[in-house]
C-alpha atoms as a PDB file:
ATOM      1  CA  MET A   1      -6.280 -71.540 -54.960  1.00  0.00           C
ATOM      2  CA  GLU A   2      -9.784 -70.575 -52.820  1.00  0.00           C
ATOM      3  CA  GLU A   3     -11.227 -69.006 -56.524  1.00  0.00           C
ATOM      4  CA  LYS A   4     -10.568 -72.687 -58.020  1.00  0.00           C
ATOM      5  CA  LEU A   5     -12.210 -74.204 -54.744  1.00  0.00           C
ATOM      6  CA  LEU A   6     -14.931 -72.098 -55.009  1.00  0.00           C
ATOM      7  CA  ALA A   7     -15.268 -72.843 -58.821  1.00  0.00           C
ATOM      8  CA  LEU A   8     -15.033 -76.543 -58.428  1.00  0.00           C
ATOM      9  CA  LEU A   9     -17.870 -76.635 -55.636  1.00  0.00           C
ATOM     10  CA  GLU A  10     -19.938 -74.741 -57.949  1.00  0.00           C
ATOM     11  CA  ARG A  11     -19.882 -77.142 -60.566  1.00  0.00           C
ATOM     12  CA  LEU A  12     -20.292 -80.265 -58.101  1.00  0.00           C
ATOM     13  CA  ALA A  13     -23.589 -78.099 -57.104  1.00  0.00           C
ATOM     14  CA  GLN A  14     -24.691 -77.913 -60.636  1.00  0.00           C
ATOM     15  CA  ALA A  15     -23.976 -81.680 -61.372  1.00  0.00           C
ATOM     16  CA  GLU A  16     -25.782 -82.537 -58.540  1.00  0.00           C
ATOM     17  CA  ARG A  17     -29.063 -80.518 -59.645  1.00  0.00           C
ATOM     18  CA  ALA A  18     -28.905 -81.916 -63.175  1.00  0.00           C
ATOM     19  CA  LEU A  19     -28.480 -85.207 -61.930  1.00  0.00           C
ATOM     20  CA  LEU A  20     -31.558 -84.659 -59.445  1.00  0.00           C
ATOM     21  CA  THR A  21     -33.621 -83.332 -61.854  1.00  0.00           C
ATOM     22  CA  ARG A  22     -32.920 -86.136 -64.426  1.00  0.00           C
ATOM     23  CA  GLU A  23     -33.766 -88.815 -61.663  1.00  0.00           C
ATOM     24  CA  ALA A  24     -36.968 -86.774 -60.492  1.00  0.00           C
ATOM     25  CA  HIS A  25     -38.508 -86.841 -64.209  1.00  0.00           C
ATOM     26  CA  ARG A  26     -37.245 -90.539 -64.474  1.00  0.00           C
ATOM     27  CA  LEU A  27     -39.747 -91.156 -61.514  1.00  0.00           C
ATOM     28  CA  GLY A  28     -42.395 -88.978 -63.061  1.00  0.00           C
ATOM     29  CA  LEU A  29     -41.824 -85.774 -60.387  1.00  0.00           C
ATOM     30  CA  THR A  30     -40.392 -82.012 -60.929  1.00  0.00           C
ATOM     31  CA  ALA A  31     -37.329 -80.810 -59.457  1.00  0.00           C
ATOM     32  CA  THR A  32     -38.939 -78.890 -57.394  1.00  0.00           C
ATOM     33  CA  GLN A  33     -41.151 -81.882 -55.827  1.00  0.00           C
ATOM     34  CA  ALA A  34     -37.570 -83.887 -55.592  1.00  0.00           C
ATOM     35  CA  HIS A  35     -35.982 -81.025 -53.647  1.00  0.00           C
ATOM     36  CA  LEU A  36     -38.856 -80.881 -51.432  1.00  0.00           C
ATOM     37  CA  LEU A  37     -39.454 -84.299 -50.848  1.00  0.00           C
ATOM     38  CA  LEU A  38     -34.927 -84.559 -50.228  1.00  0.00           C
ATOM     39  CA  HIS A  39     -35.935 -81.789 -47.539  1.00  0.00           C
ATOM     40  CA  LEU A  40     -38.749 -83.188 -45.849  1.00  0.00           C
ATOM     41  CA  ALA A  41     -37.315 -86.428 -45.616  1.00  0.00           C
ATOM     42  CA  GLU A  42     -34.489 -84.703 -43.249  1.00  0.00           C
ATOM     43  CA  ARG A  43     -36.538 -81.957 -41.784  1.00  0.00           C
ATOM     44  CA  PRO A  44     -40.227 -81.461 -42.031  1.00  0.00           C
ATOM     45  CA  GLN A  45     -41.148 -77.783 -42.204  1.00  0.00           C
ATOM     46  CA  GLY A  46     -44.095 -75.653 -42.893  1.00  0.00           C
ATOM     47  CA  VAL A  47     -45.298 -74.237 -46.531  1.00  0.00           C
ATOM     48  CA  VAL A  48     -43.720 -70.672 -45.820  1.00  0.00           C
ATOM     49  CA  ASP A  49     -40.638 -71.944 -44.546  1.00  0.00           C
ATOM     50  CA  LEU A  50     -40.017 -73.996 -47.469  1.00  0.00           C
ATOM     51  CA  ALA A  51     -40.637 -71.221 -49.840  1.00  0.00           C
ATOM     52  CA  ALA A  52     -38.380 -68.804 -48.282  1.00  0.00           C
ATOM     53  CA  LEU A  53     -35.451 -71.884 -48.202  1.00  0.00           C
ATOM     54  CA  PHE A  54     -35.951 -72.391 -51.506  1.00  0.00           C
ATOM     55  CA  ALA A  55     -36.715 -69.171 -52.875  1.00  0.00           C
ATOM     56  CA  LEU A  56     -39.848 -69.887 -54.363  1.00  0.00           C
ATOM     57  CA  THR A  57     -43.845 -68.501 -53.672  1.00  0.00           C
ATOM     58  CA  PRO A  58     -45.853 -70.193 -50.981  1.00  0.00           C
ATOM     59  CA  ALA A  59     -48.368 -71.091 -53.634  1.00  0.00           C
ATOM     60  CA  THR A  60     -45.479 -72.802 -55.647  1.00  0.00           C
ATOM     61  CA  VAL A  61     -44.861 -74.847 -52.798  1.00  0.00           C
ATOM     62  CA  SER A  62     -48.114 -75.606 -52.037  1.00  0.00           C
ATOM     63  CA  GLU A  63     -48.833 -77.040 -55.604  1.00  0.00           C
ATOM     64  CA  ALA A  64     -45.988 -79.054 -55.290  1.00  0.00           C
ATOM     65  CA  LEU A  65     -46.797 -80.505 -52.020  1.00  0.00           C
ATOM     66  CA  ALA A  66     -50.533 -81.213 -53.265  1.00  0.00           C
ATOM     67  CA  ALA A  67     -49.182 -83.281 -56.348  1.00  0.00           C
ATOM     68  CA  LEU A  68     -46.927 -85.254 -54.253  1.00  0.00           C
ATOM     69  CA  GLU A  69     -49.748 -85.920 -52.154  1.00  0.00           C
ATOM     70  CA  ARG A  70     -51.928 -87.102 -55.185  1.00  0.00           C
ATOM     71  CA  VAL A  71     -49.262 -89.255 -56.169  1.00  0.00           C
ATOM     72  CA  ARG A  72     -48.653 -90.709 -52.944  1.00  0.00           C
ATOM     73  CA  ASP A  73     -52.679 -91.254 -52.932  1.00  0.00           C
ATOM     74  CA  GLU A  74     -52.779 -92.948 -56.296  1.00  0.00           C
ATOM     75  CA  LEU A  75     -49.631 -95.094 -55.161  1.00  0.00           C
ATOM     76  CA  ALA A  76     -51.986 -96.243 -52.299  1.00  0.00           C
ATOM     77  CA  ALA A  77     -54.756 -97.086 -54.072  1.00  0.00           C
ATOM     78  CA  GLU A  78     -52.771 -99.500 -56.427  1.00  0.00           C
ATOM     79  CA  VAL A  79     -51.256-100.962 -53.584  1.00  0.00           C
ATOM     80  CA  GLY A  80     -54.654-101.524 -51.824  1.00  0.00           C
ATOM     81  CA  SER A  81     -56.044-102.935 -54.612  1.00  0.00           C
END
């Protein structure tokens, strides 16, 4: 019974990741950027902590955050025009 429950939870987690990836791409984001946004919306953290949490390098997290900042700035410029 416990094995079946664990297998079901894993399938649900896979489905959630697939949905998040699909929605992220629809919005012009990467899956990593979407994961970071969702996490940061609930709990702000630094680059090193985020890298450890998501099993990424700090450089990867920094790049993803920089890309998100560029998108934010572009959207702000469009709204301000």
